[in-house]
Amino acid sequence: MGRKKVELKRIEKKSYREVTFSKRRNGLFKKAQDLSILCDAQVAILITSGAGKLYTSATPNRYTSLHVFGFCLRSSYEQSQ
C-alpha cells in the first residue's frame, strides 16, 4: 500500500516552517547526492530560504557543477538574443 497524498499548504507558524524547510532541504540534498552516485550525474541545487539565506549543494563538487550550470545559463541567454 502506498501513502496518501498530503495536501500541501503554507505552514503558518514560523518556527514550524523553518524546521520543515531544514528537514526538506537536507532530504533534497541527500536525494541529489544519491542521484549523482547512482547515475554518474552532475547535480547542482541552489535554494533560498524565506529569510533570503542561500543554500547550495553540488556533486561531484561545487566548482564543476556550478561551472556547467553557468555555461548552460550563458548558452540559454545567447539563444534567446
PDB file of N, CA and C in Angstrom:
ATOM      1  N   MET A   1       0.828  -1.184   0.000  1.00  0.00           N
ATOM      2  CA  MET A   1       0.000   0.000   0.000  1.00  0.00           C
ATOM      3  C   MET A   1       0.871   1.246   0.000  1.00  0.00           C
ATOM      4  N   GLY A   2       0.479   2.221  -0.801  1.00  0.00           N
ATOM      5  CA  GLY A   2       1.199   3.489  -0.843  1.00  0.00           C
ATOM      6  C   GLY A   2       0.657   4.464   0.195  1.00  0.00           C
ATOM      7  N   ARG A   3       1.348   5.551   0.296  1.00  0.00           N
ATOM      8  CA  ARG A   3       0.911   6.582   1.236  1.00  0.00           C
ATOM      9  C   ARG A   3      -0.179   7.431   0.604  1.00  0.00           C
ATOM     10  N   LYS A   4      -0.975   8.066   1.457  1.00  0.00           N
ATOM     11  CA  LYS A   4      -1.958   9.022   0.972  1.00  0.00           C
ATOM     12  C   LYS A   4      -1.241  10.287   0.552  1.00  0.00           C
ATOM     13  N   LYS A   5      -1.808  10.982  -0.414  1.00  0.00           N
ATOM     14  CA  LYS A   5      -1.239  12.261  -0.809  1.00  0.00           C
ATOM     15  C   LYS A   5      -1.521  13.297   0.263  1.00  0.00           C
ATOM     16  N   VAL A   6      -0.490  14.031   0.621  1.00  0.00           N
ATOM     17  CA  VAL A   6      -0.624  15.063   1.637  1.00  0.00           C
ATOM     18  C   VAL A   6      -0.935  16.381   0.939  1.00  0.00           C
ATOM     19  N   GLU A   7      -1.923  17.078   1.440  1.00  0.00           N
ATOM     20  CA  GLU A   7      -2.254  18.388   0.887  1.00  0.00           C
ATOM     21  C   GLU A   7      -1.167  19.376   1.299  1.00  0.00           C
ATOM     22  N   LEU A   8      -0.569  20.027   0.318  1.00  0.00           N
ATOM     23  CA  LEU A   8       0.488  20.991   0.613  1.00  0.00           C
ATOM     24  C   LEU A   8      -0.105  22.380   0.761  1.00  0.00           C
ATOM     25  N   LYS A   9       0.209  23.008   1.859  1.00  0.00           N
ATOM     26  CA  LYS A   9      -0.209  24.384   2.090  1.00  0.00           C
ATOM     27  C   LYS A   9       0.834  25.050   2.970  1.00  0.00           C
ATOM     28  N   ARG A  10       0.869  26.348   2.950  1.00  0.00           N
ATOM     29  CA  ARG A  10       1.862  27.103   3.709  1.00  0.00           C
ATOM     30  C   ARG A  10       1.709  26.836   5.193  1.00  0.00           C
ATOM     31  N   ILE A  11       2.840  26.646   5.852  1.00  0.00           N
ATOM     32  CA  ILE A  11       2.852  26.453   7.302  1.00  0.00           C
ATOM     33  C   ILE A  11       2.855  27.838   7.941  1.00  0.00           C
ATOM     34  N   GLU A  12       1.850  28.124   8.722  1.00  0.00           N
ATOM     35  CA  GLU A  12       1.678  29.473   9.268  1.00  0.00           C
ATOM     36  C   GLU A  12       2.682  29.814  10.369  1.00  0.00           C
ATOM     37  N   LYS A  13       2.945  28.869  11.260  1.00  0.00           N
ATOM     38  CA  LYS A  13       3.842  29.155  12.380  1.00  0.00           C
ATOM     39  C   LYS A  13       5.295  29.145  11.895  1.00  0.00           C
ATOM     40  N   LYS A  14       5.985  30.263  12.095  1.00  0.00           N
ATOM     41  CA  LYS A  14       7.333  30.450  11.556  1.00  0.00           C
ATOM     42  C   LYS A  14       8.310  29.378  12.018  1.00  0.00           C
ATOM     43  N   SER A  15       8.294  29.040  13.291  1.00  0.00           N
ATOM     44  CA  SER A  15       9.261  28.050  13.805  1.00  0.00           C
ATOM     45  C   SER A  15       9.035  26.675  13.167  1.00  0.00           C
ATOM     46  N   TYR A  16       7.773  26.277  12.978  1.00  0.00           N
ATOM     47  CA  TYR A  16       7.471  25.006  12.321  1.00  0.00           C
ATOM     48  C   TYR A  16       7.916  25.046  10.862  1.00  0.00           C
ATOM     49  N   ARG A  17       7.686  26.199  10.214  1.00  0.00           N
ATOM     50  CA  ARG A  17       8.062  26.373   8.811  1.00  0.00           C
ATOM     51  C   ARG A  17       9.576  26.244   8.643  1.00  0.00           C
ATOM     52  N   GLU A  18      10.347  26.834   9.565  1.00  0.00           N
ATOM     53  CA  GLU A  18      11.812  26.768   9.482  1.00  0.00           C
ATOM     54  C   GLU A  18      12.322  25.341   9.690  1.00  0.00           C
ATOM     55  N   VAL A  19      11.726  24.617  10.621  1.00  0.00           N
ATOM     56  CA  VAL A  19      12.123  23.231  10.868  1.00  0.00           C
ATOM     57  C   VAL A  19      11.808  22.374   9.643  1.00  0.00           C
ATOM     58  N   THR A  20      10.625  22.542   9.089  1.00  0.00           N
ATOM     59  CA  THR A  20      10.232  21.786   7.907  1.00  0.00           C
ATOM     60  C   THR A  20      11.144  22.108   6.725  1.00  0.00           C
ATOM     61  N   PHE A  21      11.470  23.389   6.549  1.00  0.00           N
ATOM     62  CA  PHE A  21      12.380  23.797   5.473  1.00  0.00           C
ATOM     63  C   PHE A  21      13.720  23.092   5.627  1.00  0.00           C
ATOM     64  N   SER A  22      14.255  23.089   6.833  1.00  0.00           N
ATOM     65  CA  SER A  22      15.560  22.483   7.090  1.00  0.00           C
ATOM     66  C   SER A  22      15.540  20.978   6.798  1.00  0.00           C
ATOM     67  N   LYS A  23      14.516  20.290   7.261  1.00  0.00           N
ATOM     68  CA  LYS A  23      14.416  18.843   7.032  1.00  0.00           C
ATOM     69  C   LYS A  23      14.265  18.524   5.552  1.00  0.00           C
ATOM     70  N   ARG A  24      13.405  19.263   4.873  1.00  0.00           N
ATOM     71  CA  ARG A  24      13.187  19.003   3.448  1.00  0.00           C
ATOM     72  C   ARG A  24      14.408  19.376   2.609  1.00  0.00           C
ATOM     73  N   ARG A  25      15.097  20.445   2.991  1.00  0.00           N
ATOM     74  CA  ARG A  25      16.323  20.846   2.288  1.00  0.00           C
ATOM     75  C   ARG A  25      17.364  19.737   2.397  1.00  0.00           C
ATOM     76  N   ASN A  26      17.561  19.237   3.609  1.00  0.00           N
ATOM     77  CA  ASN A  26      18.536  18.160   3.803  1.00  0.00           C
ATOM     78  C   ASN A  26      18.143  16.899   3.043  1.00  0.00           C
ATOM     79  N   GLY A  27      16.856  16.589   3.008  1.00  0.00           N
ATOM     80  CA  GLY A  27      16.380  15.431   2.252  1.00  0.00           C
ATOM     81  C   GLY A  27      16.621  15.599   0.755  1.00  0.00           C
ATOM     82  N   LEU A  28      16.383  16.804   0.261  1.00  0.00           N
ATOM     83  CA  LEU A  28      16.603  17.080  -1.153  1.00  0.00           C
ATOM     84  C   LEU A  28      18.087  16.963  -1.505  1.00  0.00           C
ATOM     85  N   PHE A  29      18.955  17.478  -0.640  1.00  0.00           N
ATOM     86  CA  PHE A  29      20.390  17.376  -0.881  1.00  0.00           C
ATOM     87  C   PHE A  29      20.833  15.911  -0.885  1.00  0.00           C
ATOM     88  N   LYS A  30      20.261  15.094   0.012  1.00  0.00           N
ATOM     89  CA  LYS A  30      20.612  13.678   0.056  1.00  0.00           C
ATOM     90  C   LYS A  30      20.153  12.979  -1.219  1.00  0.00           C
ATOM     91  N   LYS A  31      18.949  13.279  -1.684  1.00  0.00           N
ATOM     92  CA  LYS A  31      18.446  12.682  -2.928  1.00  0.00           C
ATOM     93  C   LYS A  31      19.331  13.068  -4.111  1.00  0.00           C
ATOM     94  N   ALA A  32      19.795  14.315  -4.134  1.00  0.00           N
ATOM     95  CA  ALA A  32      20.673  14.771  -5.207  1.00  0.00           C
ATOM     96  C   ALA A  32      21.988  13.997  -5.187  1.00  0.00           C
ATOM     97  N   GLN A  33      22.515  13.775  -4.002  1.00  0.00           N
ATOM     98  CA  GLN A  33      23.762  13.017  -3.877  1.00  0.00           C
ATOM     99  C   GLN A  33      23.546  11.568  -4.335  1.00  0.00           C
ATOM    100  N   ASP A  34      22.421  10.974  -3.951  1.00  0.00           N
ATOM    101  CA  ASP A  34      22.099   9.613  -4.386  1.00  0.00           C
ATOM    102  C   ASP A  34      22.017   9.539  -5.910  1.00  0.00           C
ATOM    103  N   LEU A  35      21.335  10.507  -6.520  1.00  0.00           N
ATOM    104  CA  LEU A  35      21.206  10.545  -7.969  1.00  0.00           C
ATOM    105  C   LEU A  35      22.571  10.632  -8.639  1.00  0.00           C
ATOM    106  N   SER A  36      23.432  11.446  -8.084  1.00  0.00           N
ATOM    107  CA  SER A  36      24.778  11.601  -8.623  1.00  0.00           C
ATOM    108  C   SER A  36      25.558  10.293  -8.563  1.00  0.00           C
ATOM    109  N   ILE A  37      25.467   9.596  -7.451  1.00  0.00           N
ATOM    110  CA  ILE A  37      26.197   8.337  -7.284  1.00  0.00           C
ATOM    111  C   ILE A  37      25.623   7.246  -8.190  1.00  0.00           C
ATOM    112  N   LEU A  38      24.308   7.088  -8.181  1.00  0.00           N
ATOM    113  CA  LEU A  38      23.670   6.009  -8.935  1.00  0.00           C
ATOM    114  C   LEU A  38      23.777   6.179 -10.444  1.00  0.00           C
ATOM    115  N   CYS A  39      23.701   7.420 -10.920  1.00  0.00           N
ATOM    116  CA  CYS A  39      23.619   7.664 -12.354  1.00  0.00           C
ATOM    117  C   CYS A  39      24.826   8.388 -12.924  1.00  0.00           C
ATOM    118  N   ASP A  40      25.862   8.587 -12.123  1.00  0.00           N
ATOM    119  CA  ASP A  40      27.061   9.301 -12.549  1.00  0.00           C
ATOM    120  C   ASP A  40      26.680  10.656 -13.153  1.00  0.00           C
ATOM    121  N   ALA A  41      25.800  11.362 -12.454  1.00  0.00           N
ATOM    122  CA  ALA A  41      25.294  12.648 -12.933  1.00  0.00           C
ATOM    123  C   ALA A  41      25.901  13.793 -12.135  1.00  0.00           C
ATOM    124  N   GLN A  42      26.016  14.932 -12.783  1.00  0.00           N
ATOM    125  CA  GLN A  42      26.415  16.147 -12.081  1.00  0.00           C
ATOM    126  C   GLN A  42      25.135  16.851 -11.648  1.00  0.00           C
ATOM    127  N   VAL A  43      25.035  17.155 -10.377  1.00  0.00           N
ATOM    128  CA  VAL A  43      23.825  17.756  -9.823  1.00  0.00           C
ATOM    129  C   VAL A  43      24.201  19.006  -9.040  1.00  0.00           C
ATOM    130  N   ALA A  44      23.480  20.096  -9.290  1.00  0.00           N
ATOM    131  CA  ALA A  44      23.679  21.326  -8.529  1.00  0.00           C
ATOM    132  C   ALA A  44      22.317  21.840  -8.084  1.00  0.00           C
ATOM    133  N   ILE A  45      22.228  22.228  -6.827  1.00  0.00           N
ATOM    134  CA  ILE A  45      20.974  22.752  -6.280  1.00  0.00           C
ATOM    135  C   ILE A  45      21.270  24.074  -5.583  1.00  0.00           C
ATOM    136  N   LEU A  46      20.459  25.073  -5.893  1.00  0.00           N
ATOM    137  CA  LEU A  46      20.515  26.370  -5.219  1.00  0.00           C
ATOM    138  C   LEU A  46      19.150  26.602  -4.604  1.00  0.00           C
ATOM    139  N   ILE A  47      19.116  26.889  -3.306  1.00  0.00           N
ATOM    140  CA  ILE A  47      17.855  27.119  -2.598  1.00  0.00           C
ATOM    141  C   ILE A  47      17.994  28.386  -1.764  1.00  0.00           C
ATOM    142  N   THR A  48      16.982  29.228  -1.797  1.00  0.00           N
ATOM    143  CA  THR A  48      16.956  30.367  -0.884  1.00  0.00           C
ATOM    144  C   THR A  48      15.814  30.153   0.100  1.00  0.00           C
ATOM    145  N   SER A  49      16.078  30.444   1.350  1.00  0.00           N
ATOM    146  CA  SER A  49      15.060  30.281   2.387  1.00  0.00           C
ATOM    147  C   SER A  49      14.116  31.482   2.361  1.00  0.00           C
ATOM    148  N   GLY A  50      13.078  31.394   3.172  1.00  0.00           N
ATOM    149  CA  GLY A  50      12.152  32.512   3.305  1.00  0.00           C
ATOM    150  C   GLY A  50      12.842  33.760   3.834  1.00  0.00           C
ATOM    151  N   ALA A  51      13.932  33.557   4.585  1.00  0.00           N
ATOM    152  CA  ALA A  51      14.697  34.678   5.143  1.00  0.00           C
ATOM    153  C   ALA A  51      15.741  35.201   4.150  1.00  0.00           C
ATOM    154  N   GLY A  52      15.830  34.565   2.979  1.00  0.00           N
ATOM    155  CA  GLY A  52      16.757  35.023   1.956  1.00  0.00           C
ATOM    156  C   GLY A  52      18.148  34.421   2.037  1.00  0.00           C
ATOM    157  N   LYS A  53      18.351  33.432   2.903  1.00  0.00           N
ATOM    158  CA  LYS A  53      19.659  32.790   3.018  1.00  0.00           C
ATOM    159  C   LYS A  53      19.811  31.762   1.895  1.00  0.00           C
ATOM    160  N   LEU A  54      21.007  31.733   1.290  1.00  0.00           N
ATOM    161  CA  LEU A  54      21.284  30.841   0.173  1.00  0.00           C
ATOM    162  C   LEU A  54      21.922  29.551   0.672  1.00  0.00           C
ATOM    163  N   TYR A  55      21.419  28.416   0.167  1.00  0.00           N
ATOM    164  CA  TYR A  55      21.978  27.099   0.467  1.00  0.00           C
ATOM    165  C   TYR A  55      22.316  26.441  -0.859  1.00  0.00           C
ATOM    166  N   THR A  56      23.478  25.799  -0.930  1.00  0.00           N
ATOM    167  CA  THR A  56      23.888  25.149  -2.166  1.00  0.00           C
ATOM    168  C   THR A  56      24.368  23.731  -1.889  1.00  0.00           C
ATOM    169  N   SER A  57      24.227  22.906  -2.897  1.00  0.00           N
ATOM    170  CA  SER A  57      24.771  21.559  -2.861  1.00  0.00           C
ATOM    171  C   SER A  57      25.106  21.193  -4.294  1.00  0.00           C
ATOM    172  N   ALA A  58      26.248  20.560  -4.490  1.00  0.00           N
ATOM    173  CA  ALA A  58      26.633  20.154  -5.834  1.00  0.00           C
ATOM    174  C   ALA A  58      27.492  18.901  -5.754  1.00  0.00           C
ATOM    175  N   THR A  59      27.305  18.028  -6.740  1.00  0.00           N
ATOM    176  CA  THR A  59      28.116  16.821  -6.811  1.00  0.00           C
ATOM    177  C   THR A  59      28.592  16.651  -8.238  1.00  0.00           C
ATOM    178  N   PRO A  60      29.744  16.186  -8.538  1.00  0.00           N
ATOM    179  CA  PRO A  60      30.724  15.667  -7.601  1.00  0.00           C
ATOM    180  C   PRO A  60      31.402  16.759  -6.777  1.00  0.00           C
ATOM    181  N   ASN A  61      31.469  17.984  -7.295  1.00  0.00           N
ATOM    182  CA  ASN A  61      31.961  19.087  -6.466  1.00  0.00           C
ATOM    183  C   ASN A  61      31.305  20.373  -6.937  1.00  0.00           C
ATOM    184  N   ARG A  62      31.309  21.379  -6.092  1.00  0.00           N
ATOM    185  CA  ARG A  62      30.608  22.627  -6.399  1.00  0.00           C
ATOM    186  C   ARG A  62      31.172  23.315  -7.641  1.00  0.00           C
ATOM    187  N   TYR A  63      32.483  23.349  -7.754  1.00  0.00           N
ATOM    188  CA  TYR A  63      33.087  24.079  -8.865  1.00  0.00           C
ATOM    189  C   TYR A  63      32.648  23.501 -10.211  1.00  0.00           C
ATOM    190  N   THR A  64      32.768  22.200 -10.365  1.00  0.00           N
ATOM    191  CA  THR A  64      32.420  21.566 -11.634  1.00  0.00           C
ATOM    192  C   THR A  64      30.942  21.752 -11.953  1.00  0.00           C
ATOM    193  N   SER A  65      30.067  21.452 -10.985  1.00  0.00           N
ATOM    194  CA  SER A  65      28.631  21.537 -11.239  1.00  0.00           C
ATOM    195  C   SER A  65      28.185  22.965 -11.511  1.00  0.00           C
ATOM    196  N   LEU A  66      28.684  23.930 -10.744  1.00  0.00           N
ATOM    197  CA  LEU A  66      28.284  25.314 -10.943  1.00  0.00           C
ATOM    198  C   LEU A  66      28.879  25.883 -12.235  1.00  0.00           C
ATOM    199  N   HIS A  67      30.042  25.385 -12.640  1.00  0.00           N
ATOM    200  CA  HIS A  67      30.624  25.800 -13.917  1.00  0.00           C
ATOM    201  C   HIS A  67      29.711  25.363 -15.066  1.00  0.00           C
ATOM    202  N   VAL A  68      29.244  24.126 -15.012  1.00  0.00           N
ATOM    203  CA  VAL A  68      28.323  23.616 -16.033  1.00  0.00           C
ATOM    204  C   VAL A  68      27.021  24.403 -15.991  1.00  0.00           C
ATOM    205  N   PHE A  69      26.517  24.684 -14.798  1.00  0.00           N
ATOM    206  CA  PHE A  69      25.292  25.455 -14.635  1.00  0.00           C
ATOM    207  C   PHE A  69      25.443  26.843 -15.268  1.00  0.00           C
ATOM    208  N   GLY A  70      26.559  27.512 -15.007  1.00  0.00           N
ATOM    209  CA  GLY A  70      26.820  28.822 -15.600  1.00  0.00           C
ATOM    210  C   GLY A  70      26.916  28.755 -17.105  1.00  0.00           C
ATOM    211  N   PHE A  71      27.536  27.717 -17.624  1.00  0.00           N
ATOM    212  CA  PHE A  71      27.642  27.533 -19.077  1.00  0.00           C
ATOM    213  C   PHE A  71      26.253  27.393 -19.693  1.00  0.00           C
ATOM    214  N   CYS A  72      25.397  26.604 -19.047  1.00  0.00           N
ATOM    215  CA  CYS A  72      24.026  26.413 -19.563  1.00  0.00           C
ATOM    216  C   CYS A  72      23.239  27.717 -19.533  1.00  0.00           C
ATOM    217  N   LEU A  73      23.414  28.504 -18.480  1.00  0.00           N
ATOM    218  CA  LEU A  73      22.725  29.798 -18.399  1.00  0.00           C
ATOM    219  C   LEU A  73      23.174  30.722 -19.524  1.00  0.00           C
ATOM    220  N   ARG A  74      24.482  30.777 -19.759  1.00  0.00           N
ATOM    221  CA  ARG A  74      25.002  31.630 -20.834  1.00  0.00           C
ATOM    222  C   ARG A  74      24.479  31.178 -22.184  1.00  0.00           C
ATOM    223  N   SER A  75      24.490  29.866 -22.420  1.00  0.00           N
ATOM    224  CA  SER A  75      24.011  29.330 -23.691  1.00  0.00           C
ATOM    225  C   SER A  75      22.543  29.651 -23.899  1.00  0.00           C
ATOM    226  N   SER A  76      21.754  29.480 -22.840  1.00  0.00           N
ATOM    227  CA  SER A  76      20.325  29.770 -22.919  1.00  0.00           C
ATOM    228  C   SER A  76      20.089  31.253 -23.195  1.00  0.00           C
ATOM    229  N   TYR A  77      20.844  32.109 -22.533  1.00  0.00           N
ATOM    230  CA  TYR A  77      20.713  33.555 -22.727  1.00  0.00           C
ATOM    231  C   TYR A  77      21.097  33.941 -24.159  1.00  0.00           C
ATOM    232  N   GLU A  78      22.190  33.385 -24.651  1.00  0.00           N
ATOM    233  CA  GLU A  78      22.644  33.705 -26.009  1.00  0.00           C
ATOM    234  C   GLU A  78      21.642  33.245 -27.054  1.00  0.00           C
ATOM    235  N   GLN A  79      20.992  32.110 -26.839  1.00  0.00           N
ATOM    236  CA  GLN A  79      19.994  31.609 -27.778  1.00  0.00           C
ATOM    237  C   GLN A  79      18.756  32.495 -27.795  1.00  0.00           C
ATOM    238  N   SER A  80      18.445  33.123 -26.670  1.00  0.00           N
ATOM    239  CA  SER A  80      17.251  33.966 -26.607  1.00  0.00           C
ATOM    240  C   SER A  80      17.478  35.336 -27.238  1.00  0.00           C
ATOM    241  N   GLN A  81      18.735  35.707 -27.465  1.00  0.00           N
ATOM    242  CA  GLN A  81      19.047  37.028 -28.041  1.00  0.00           C
ATOM    243  C   GLN A  81      18.955  37.028 -29.548  1.00  0.00           C
TER     244      GLN A  81
END
